């Protein structure tokens, strides 16, 4: 399976959450609308919490895996640079290498993203994640991704 753009990947991930996580745990569900991050997941019940997913698709045609705007601004660079405590535990990045025919998923915290910043820091212009991330971080298949997300959301 391949994805033609991040919107398609995001839609696919929402479907995975609905069919594999919300179906088993109805108190955990993704909101449809977005503003600050790509996917917001709510956990109701005895231990309510809000979780966030940032979705990135590396496409050869773009030649880069960018975060934020071209001016170095936006929520993503600020979260990566400032490391707000809540986002450190309640935000994960799902990154897919769109150059591969069969999708595999990186499911990583922001501290891992920080290790792979081009130039090792958030700058005032383009901010990118180095593609070597795909060689050095273990990827998950679809069901392993669902298992990892479930564990994270139920903690």
Protein backbone atom coordinates (compact mmCIF):
# COMPACT_ATOMS: atom_id res chain seq x y z
CA UNK A 1 0.00 0.00 0.00
CA UNK A 2 1.22 3.47 -0.84
CA UNK A 3 -0.10 6.93 -0.05
CA UNK A 4 -0.22 9.78 -2.55
CA UNK A 5 -0.22 12.52 0.11
CA UNK A 6 -0.38 13.18 3.85
CA UNK A 7 -4.16 13.67 3.78
CA UNK A 8 -4.62 10.16 2.42
CA UNK A 9 -2.28 8.76 5.10
CA UNK A 10 -4.12 10.71 7.80
CA UNK A 11 -7.48 9.38 6.60
CA UNK A 12 -6.09 5.84 6.66
CA UNK A 13 -4.80 6.29 10.23
CA UNK A 14 -8.17 7.63 11.40
CA UNK A 15 -9.76 4.49 9.92
CA UNK A 16 -7.26 2.27 11.78
CA UNK A 17 -8.03 4.04 15.05
CA UNK A 18 -11.79 3.72 14.52
CA UNK A 19 -11.82 0.07 13.46
CA UNK A 20 -9.11 -1.34 15.72
CA UNK A 21 -9.00 0.87 18.80
CA UNK A 22 -12.34 2.67 19.17
CA UNK A 23 -14.21 -0.53 18.26
CA UNK A 24 -12.62 -2.26 21.29
CA UNK A 25 -12.43 0.81 23.53
CA UNK A 26 -15.34 3.17 22.67
CA UNK A 27 -14.08 5.74 25.17
CA UNK A 28 -11.05 6.32 22.92
CA UNK A 29 -11.76 8.11 19.65
CA UNK A 30 -10.20 10.51 17.16
CA UNK A 31 -11.74 13.91 16.59
CA UNK A 32 -12.52 14.70 12.97
CA UNK A 33 -11.38 18.33 12.99
CA UNK A 34 -7.84 19.55 13.40
CA UNK A 35 -6.04 22.77 14.10
CA UNK A 36 -2.77 22.42 16.01
CA UNK A 37 -1.95 18.81 15.16
CA UNK A 38 -3.07 16.33 12.54
CA UNK A 39 -5.10 13.98 14.75
CA UNK A 40 -6.51 14.59 18.23
CA UNK A 41 -7.54 11.48 20.16
CA UNK A 42 -9.75 11.74 23.22
CA UNK A 43 -9.83 9.23 26.03
CA UNK A 44 -12.91 9.55 28.22
CA UNK A 45 -13.73 7.50 31.29
CA UNK A 46 -11.99 7.28 34.64
CA UNK A 47 -8.66 8.68 33.40
CA UNK A 48 -9.57 11.23 30.73
CA UNK A 49 -6.76 12.52 28.54
CA UNK A 50 -6.09 14.01 25.15
CA UNK A 51 -3.47 12.58 22.78
CA UNK A 52 -1.99 14.00 19.61
CA UNK A 53 -0.62 12.48 16.41
CA UNK A 54 1.54 14.30 13.89
CA UNK A 55 1.46 12.56 10.51
CA UNK A 56 4.33 12.84 8.06
CA UNK A 57 4.75 11.25 4.65
CA UNK A 58 8.13 11.43 2.99
CA UNK A 59 7.65 11.83 -0.75
CA UNK A 60 10.51 11.65 -3.21
CA UNK A 61 8.87 14.41 -5.27
CA UNK A 62 9.14 16.81 -2.33
CA UNK A 63 12.70 15.77 -1.57
CA UNK A 64 12.34 16.60 2.11
CA UNK A 65 10.43 15.70 5.25
CA UNK A 66 9.52 19.16 6.49
CA UNK A 67 7.95 20.39 9.69
CA UNK A 68 6.22 23.72 10.10
CA UNK A 69 6.09 26.41 7.48
CA UNK A 70 8.88 27.48 5.15
CA UNK A 71 9.55 30.39 7.49
CA UNK A 72 10.48 28.17 10.44
CA UNK A 73 7.21 28.82 12.22
CA UNK A 74 4.16 26.79 13.18
CA UNK A 75 3.11 24.45 15.95
CA UNK A 76 5.40 21.59 15.00
CA UNK A 77 8.71 23.51 15.24
CA UNK A 78 7.61 25.17 18.47
CA UNK A 79 6.66 21.84 20.07
CA UNK A 80 9.95 20.29 18.95
CA UNK A 81 12.03 23.27 20.14
CA UNK A 82 10.31 24.04 23.44
CA UNK A 83 9.47 20.46 24.50
CA UNK A 84 6.26 21.16 26.47
CA UNK A 85 5.96 18.39 29.09
CA UNK A 86 2.43 17.39 28.13
CA UNK A 87 3.33 16.99 24.47
CA UNK A 88 6.43 14.98 25.38
CA UNK A 89 4.16 12.24 26.75
CA UNK A 90 0.94 12.82 24.82
CA UNK A 91 2.23 13.42 21.28
CA UNK A 92 3.53 10.81 18.86
CA UNK A 93 4.67 11.15 15.28
CA UNK A 94 3.66 8.64 12.64
CA UNK A 95 6.10 8.89 9.78
CA UNK A 96 5.89 6.85 6.58
CA UNK A 97 8.46 6.54 3.82
CA UNK A 98 6.36 7.08 0.70
CA UNK A 99 9.15 5.77 -1.51
CA UNK A 100 8.37 2.20 -0.43
CA UNK A 101 5.63 0.10 -2.02
CA UNK A 102 4.54 -1.53 1.25
CA UNK A 103 3.95 1.03 3.94
CA UNK A 104 5.64 0.62 7.28
CA UNK A 105 5.17 3.09 10.08
CA UNK A 106 7.50 4.87 12.45
CA UNK A 107 5.65 5.60 15.70
CA UNK A 108 7.96 7.85 17.65
CA UNK A 109 7.99 10.49 20.37
CA UNK A 110 9.21 14.03 19.76
CA UNK A 111 12.54 13.37 21.47
CA UNK A 112 13.34 10.93 18.65
CA UNK A 113 12.34 13.53 16.04
CA UNK A 114 14.75 15.98 17.70
CA UNK A 115 17.65 13.56 17.14
CA UNK A 116 17.05 13.65 13.38
CA UNK A 117 16.59 17.37 12.76
CA UNK A 118 18.60 18.65 9.81
CA UNK A 119 21.16 21.00 11.30
CA UNK A 120 20.40 19.52 14.76
CA UNK A 121 18.07 22.38 15.70
CA UNK A 122 14.95 24.30 14.75
CA UNK A 123 15.93 27.17 12.50
CA UNK A 124 14.36 30.33 11.14
CA UNK A 125 13.74 28.85 7.70
CA UNK A 126 12.96 25.34 6.49
CA UNK A 127 13.03 22.66 9.18
CA UNK A 128 13.47 19.09 8.06
CA UNK A 129 13.73 15.62 9.52
CA UNK A 130 16.66 13.72 8.06
CA UNK A 131 15.60 10.72 5.94
CA UNK A 132 18.28 8.58 7.62
CA UNK A 133 15.62 8.19 10.30
CA UNK A 134 14.11 5.45 8.10
CA UNK A 135 17.34 3.44 8.24
CA UNK A 136 18.02 3.86 11.94
CA UNK A 137 14.58 3.61 13.59
CA UNK A 138 12.61 0.36 13.54
CA UNK A 139 9.39 0.53 11.56
CA UNK A 140 6.13 -1.23 12.38
CA UNK A 141 3.64 -3.05 10.23
CA UNK A 142 -0.03 -2.05 10.41
CA UNK A 143 -1.08 -4.35 13.28
CA UNK A 144 2.06 -3.58 15.30
CA UNK A 145 1.25 0.11 14.88
CA UNK A 146 -2.29 -0.51 16.17
CA UNK A 147 -0.87 -2.43 19.15
CA UNK A 148 1.64 0.32 19.97
CA UNK A 149 -1.02 3.03 19.69
CA UNK A 150 -3.40 1.04 21.89
CA UNK A 151 -0.77 0.57 24.58
CA UNK A 152 0.12 4.28 24.52
CA UNK A 153 -3.53 5.39 24.64
CA UNK A 154 -4.47 3.01 27.45
CA UNK A 155 -1.54 3.81 29.79
